[in-house]
Amino acid sequence: MALSDYTGQSPTGREDTIVRVVPHRLWRPGDERIEPCAYSGEDIRLSEKHLLVVLERDGVRERMYFRDERSLAAWLEENER
């Protein structure tokens, strides 16, 4: 599936809508930022390739990070139950 195909999806039972999914890599010399994968909770070094997902609810946007597309697809499937 193309990453753009995730745009507009809303996990069932949530008011959030995916407005953006892009490959991401945050590189800042001397600064190592780590965030949890929204699916597995595993630490992701944002200097390494990952997916950035932007959700919107009532005009407020939230960034989420996923290790890869499999993690994003599993998260969507899990939240549709």
N, C-alpha and C. Protein backbone atom coordinates (compact mmCIF):
# COMPACT_ATOMS: atom_id res chain seq x y z
N MET A 1 0.86 -1.18 0.00
CA MET A 1 0.00 0.00 0.00
C MET A 1 0.90 1.24 0.00
N ALA A 2 0.54 2.23 -0.76
CA ALA A 2 1.29 3.49 -0.75
C ALA A 2 0.99 4.23 0.55
N LEU A 3 1.97 4.93 1.06
CA LEU A 3 1.77 5.66 2.32
C LEU A 3 0.63 6.67 2.21
N SER A 4 0.45 7.25 1.05
CA SER A 4 -0.63 8.23 0.88
C SER A 4 -2.01 7.58 1.02
N ASP A 5 -2.10 6.25 0.84
CA ASP A 5 -3.38 5.55 0.99
C ASP A 5 -3.88 5.54 2.43
N TYR A 6 -3.00 5.77 3.38
CA TYR A 6 -3.41 5.82 4.79
C TYR A 6 -4.11 7.14 5.13
N THR A 7 -3.87 8.17 4.33
CA THR A 7 -4.47 9.50 4.57
C THR A 7 -5.99 9.39 4.52
N GLY A 8 -6.62 9.99 5.51
CA GLY A 8 -8.08 10.00 5.59
C GLY A 8 -8.65 8.86 6.41
N GLN A 9 -7.85 7.86 6.75
CA GLN A 9 -8.34 6.76 7.57
C GLN A 9 -8.52 7.20 9.01
N SER A 10 -9.53 6.65 9.63
CA SER A 10 -9.80 6.90 11.05
C SER A 10 -9.96 5.56 11.74
N PRO A 11 -9.13 5.29 12.72
CA PRO A 11 -9.35 4.06 13.48
C PRO A 11 -10.74 4.08 14.10
N THR A 12 -11.47 2.99 13.96
CA THR A 12 -12.82 2.89 14.51
C THR A 12 -12.79 3.18 16.01
N GLY A 13 -13.77 3.94 16.47
CA GLY A 13 -13.85 4.26 17.89
C GLY A 13 -13.00 5.46 18.28
N ARG A 14 -12.34 6.06 17.33
CA ARG A 14 -11.52 7.24 17.61
C ARG A 14 -11.99 8.38 16.72
N GLU A 15 -11.81 9.56 17.19
CA GLU A 15 -12.19 10.75 16.43
C GLU A 15 -11.05 11.24 15.55
N ASP A 16 -9.90 10.58 15.63
CA ASP A 16 -8.73 11.02 14.89
C ASP A 16 -8.82 10.64 13.41
N THR A 17 -8.23 11.47 12.58
CA THR A 17 -8.10 11.18 11.16
C THR A 17 -6.64 11.34 10.78
N ILE A 18 -6.12 10.39 10.04
CA ILE A 18 -4.75 10.49 9.57
C ILE A 18 -4.70 11.53 8.46
N VAL A 19 -3.87 12.55 8.65
CA VAL A 19 -3.76 13.60 7.63
C VAL A 19 -2.44 13.54 6.87
N ARG A 20 -1.48 12.76 7.40
CA ARG A 20 -0.19 12.68 6.73
C ARG A 20 0.58 11.46 7.23
N VAL A 21 1.21 10.74 6.30
CA VAL A 21 2.13 9.65 6.62
C VAL A 21 3.34 9.82 5.71
N VAL A 22 4.51 9.98 6.30
CA VAL A 22 5.72 10.18 5.49
C VAL A 22 6.91 9.46 6.12
N PRO A 23 7.84 9.02 5.26
CA PRO A 23 9.10 8.52 5.81
C PRO A 23 9.79 9.70 6.49
N HIS A 24 10.45 9.45 7.58
CA HIS A 24 11.00 10.55 8.37
C HIS A 24 12.35 10.17 8.92
N ARG A 25 13.17 11.16 9.08
CA ARG A 25 14.47 10.99 9.74
C ARG A 25 14.87 12.36 10.26
N LEU A 26 14.98 12.49 11.56
CA LEU A 26 15.33 13.76 12.19
C LEU A 26 16.80 13.74 12.54
N TRP A 27 17.55 14.59 11.90
CA TRP A 27 18.98 14.60 12.14
C TRP A 27 19.37 15.96 12.71
N ARG A 28 19.91 15.93 13.91
CA ARG A 28 20.41 17.14 14.56
C ARG A 28 21.76 16.80 15.18
N PRO A 29 22.82 17.46 14.76
CA PRO A 29 24.13 17.16 15.34
C PRO A 29 24.13 17.32 16.86
N GLY A 30 24.62 16.29 17.55
CA GLY A 30 24.73 16.35 19.01
C GLY A 30 23.43 16.18 19.76
N ASP A 31 22.33 15.89 19.06
CA ASP A 31 21.04 15.75 19.73
C ASP A 31 20.39 14.45 19.28
N GLU A 32 20.24 13.51 20.19
CA GLU A 32 19.64 12.21 19.86
C GLU A 32 18.27 12.14 20.51
N ARG A 33 17.22 12.38 19.72
CA ARG A 33 15.87 12.33 20.24
C ARG A 33 15.30 10.92 20.07
N ILE A 34 14.65 10.43 21.09
CA ILE A 34 14.06 9.09 21.08
C ILE A 34 12.58 9.22 21.43
N GLU A 35 11.74 8.53 20.65
CA GLU A 35 10.30 8.49 20.88
C GLU A 35 9.85 7.04 20.82
N PRO A 36 8.76 6.70 21.48
CA PRO A 36 8.26 5.32 21.40
C PRO A 36 7.49 5.07 20.11
N CYS A 37 7.58 3.85 19.60
CA CYS A 37 6.74 3.44 18.47
C CYS A 37 5.30 3.40 19.00
N ALA A 38 4.38 4.03 18.29
CA ALA A 38 2.99 4.08 18.75
C ALA A 38 2.34 2.70 18.79
N TYR A 39 2.88 1.76 18.05
CA TYR A 39 2.32 0.41 18.05
C TYR A 39 2.95 -0.48 19.11
N SER A 40 4.27 -0.58 19.09
CA SER A 40 4.96 -1.55 19.96
C SER A 40 5.48 -0.95 21.26
N GLY A 41 5.62 0.38 21.30
CA GLY A 41 6.20 1.01 22.48
C GLY A 41 7.72 0.99 22.48
N GLU A 42 8.30 0.31 21.49
CA GLU A 42 9.76 0.22 21.33
C GLU A 42 10.35 1.60 21.09
N ASP A 43 11.51 1.86 21.66
CA ASP A 43 12.18 3.15 21.42
C ASP A 43 12.64 3.25 19.97
N ILE A 44 12.39 4.41 19.38
CA ILE A 44 12.86 4.71 18.02
C ILE A 44 13.78 5.91 18.12
N ARG A 45 14.98 5.75 17.62
CA ARG A 45 15.89 6.89 17.48
C ARG A 45 15.43 7.65 16.25
N LEU A 46 15.03 8.89 16.44
CA LEU A 46 14.48 9.64 15.32
C LEU A 46 15.52 9.97 14.27
N SER A 47 16.79 9.74 14.57
CA SER A 47 17.83 9.92 13.56
C SER A 47 17.88 8.74 12.58
N GLU A 48 17.16 7.65 12.91
CA GLU A 48 17.06 6.49 12.02
C GLU A 48 15.74 6.56 11.27
N LYS A 49 15.67 5.93 10.10
CA LYS A 49 14.45 5.96 9.29
C LYS A 49 13.28 5.37 10.06
N HIS A 50 12.13 6.02 9.96
CA HIS A 50 10.89 5.58 10.59
C HIS A 50 9.74 6.28 9.86
N LEU A 51 8.52 6.08 10.30
CA LEU A 51 7.38 6.77 9.71
C LEU A 51 6.83 7.80 10.69
N LEU A 52 6.54 8.97 10.17
CA LEU A 52 5.87 10.02 10.93
C LEU A 52 4.42 10.03 10.48
N VAL A 53 3.51 9.91 11.44
CA VAL A 53 2.07 9.94 11.15
C VAL A 53 1.49 11.13 11.90
N VAL A 54 0.74 11.95 11.18
CA VAL A 54 0.10 13.10 11.80
C VAL A 54 -1.40 12.82 11.86
N LEU A 55 -1.94 12.83 13.07
CA LEU A 55 -3.38 12.64 13.30
C LEU A 55 -4.00 13.98 13.63
N GLU A 56 -5.25 14.16 13.25
CA GLU A 56 -5.96 15.39 13.58
C GLU A 56 -7.28 15.06 14.24
N ARG A 57 -7.56 15.78 15.32
CA ARG A 57 -8.84 15.66 16.02
C ARG A 57 -9.28 17.06 16.40
N ASP A 58 -10.45 17.44 15.94
CA ASP A 58 -11.01 18.77 16.24
C ASP A 58 -10.01 19.89 15.95
N GLY A 59 -9.30 19.79 14.86
CA GLY A 59 -8.36 20.84 14.45
C GLY A 59 -7.02 20.81 15.16
N VAL A 60 -6.82 19.85 16.06
CA VAL A 60 -5.55 19.73 16.78
C VAL A 60 -4.79 18.55 16.20
N ARG A 61 -3.52 18.79 15.86
CA ARG A 61 -2.70 17.74 15.25
C ARG A 61 -1.73 17.14 16.26
N GLU A 62 -1.54 15.84 16.11
CA GLU A 62 -0.63 15.09 16.99
C GLU A 62 0.30 14.26 16.12
N ARG A 63 1.58 14.24 16.48
CA ARG A 63 2.56 13.43 15.76
C ARG A 63 2.71 12.09 16.45
N MET A 64 2.78 11.05 15.64
CA MET A 64 3.03 9.71 16.15
C MET A 64 4.15 9.12 15.31
N TYR A 65 4.91 8.24 15.90
CA TYR A 65 6.05 7.65 15.21
C TYR A 65 5.88 6.13 15.18
N PHE A 66 6.20 5.54 14.03
CA PHE A 66 6.11 4.10 13.84
C PHE A 66 7.42 3.59 13.27
N ARG A 67 7.84 2.42 13.71
CA ARG A 67 9.10 1.84 13.24
C ARG A 67 9.07 1.65 11.73
N ASP A 68 7.93 1.15 11.20
CA ASP A 68 7.83 0.88 9.76
C ASP A 68 6.35 0.77 9.38
N GLU A 69 6.10 0.49 8.10
CA GLU A 69 4.72 0.41 7.64
C GLU A 69 3.97 -0.77 8.26
N ARG A 70 4.67 -1.86 8.52
CA ARG A 70 4.02 -3.01 9.18
C ARG A 70 3.47 -2.61 10.54
N SER A 71 4.23 -1.82 11.28
CA SER A 71 3.77 -1.36 12.60
C SER A 71 2.55 -0.47 12.46
N LEU A 72 2.54 0.41 11.47
CA LEU A 72 1.39 1.28 11.24
C LEU A 72 0.16 0.46 10.87
N ALA A 73 0.30 -0.48 9.95
CA ALA A 73 -0.82 -1.32 9.53
C ALA A 73 -1.36 -2.14 10.70
N ALA A 74 -0.47 -2.69 11.52
CA ALA A 74 -0.90 -3.47 12.68
C ALA A 74 -1.63 -2.60 13.69
N TRP A 75 -1.14 -1.37 13.89
CA TRP A 75 -1.79 -0.43 14.81
C TRP A 75 -3.19 -0.09 14.33
N LEU A 76 -3.35 0.16 13.03
CA LEU A 76 -4.68 0.47 12.48
C LEU A 76 -5.61 -0.73 12.64
N GLU A 77 -5.12 -1.92 12.32
CA GLU A 77 -5.92 -3.12 12.45
C GLU A 77 -6.34 -3.34 13.90
N GLU A 78 -5.42 -3.16 14.82
CA GLU A 78 -5.70 -3.35 16.25
C GLU A 78 -6.75 -2.35 16.74
N ASN A 79 -6.70 -1.13 16.26
CA ASN A 79 -7.63 -0.10 16.71
C ASN A 79 -8.98 -0.15 16.01
N GLU A 80 -9.12 -1.01 15.00
CA GLU A 80 -10.40 -1.15 14.32
C GLU A 80 -11.29 -2.18 14.99
N ARG A 81 -10.74 -2.90 15.94
CA ARG A 81 -11.52 -3.93 16.65
C ARG A 81 -12.46 -3.34 17.63
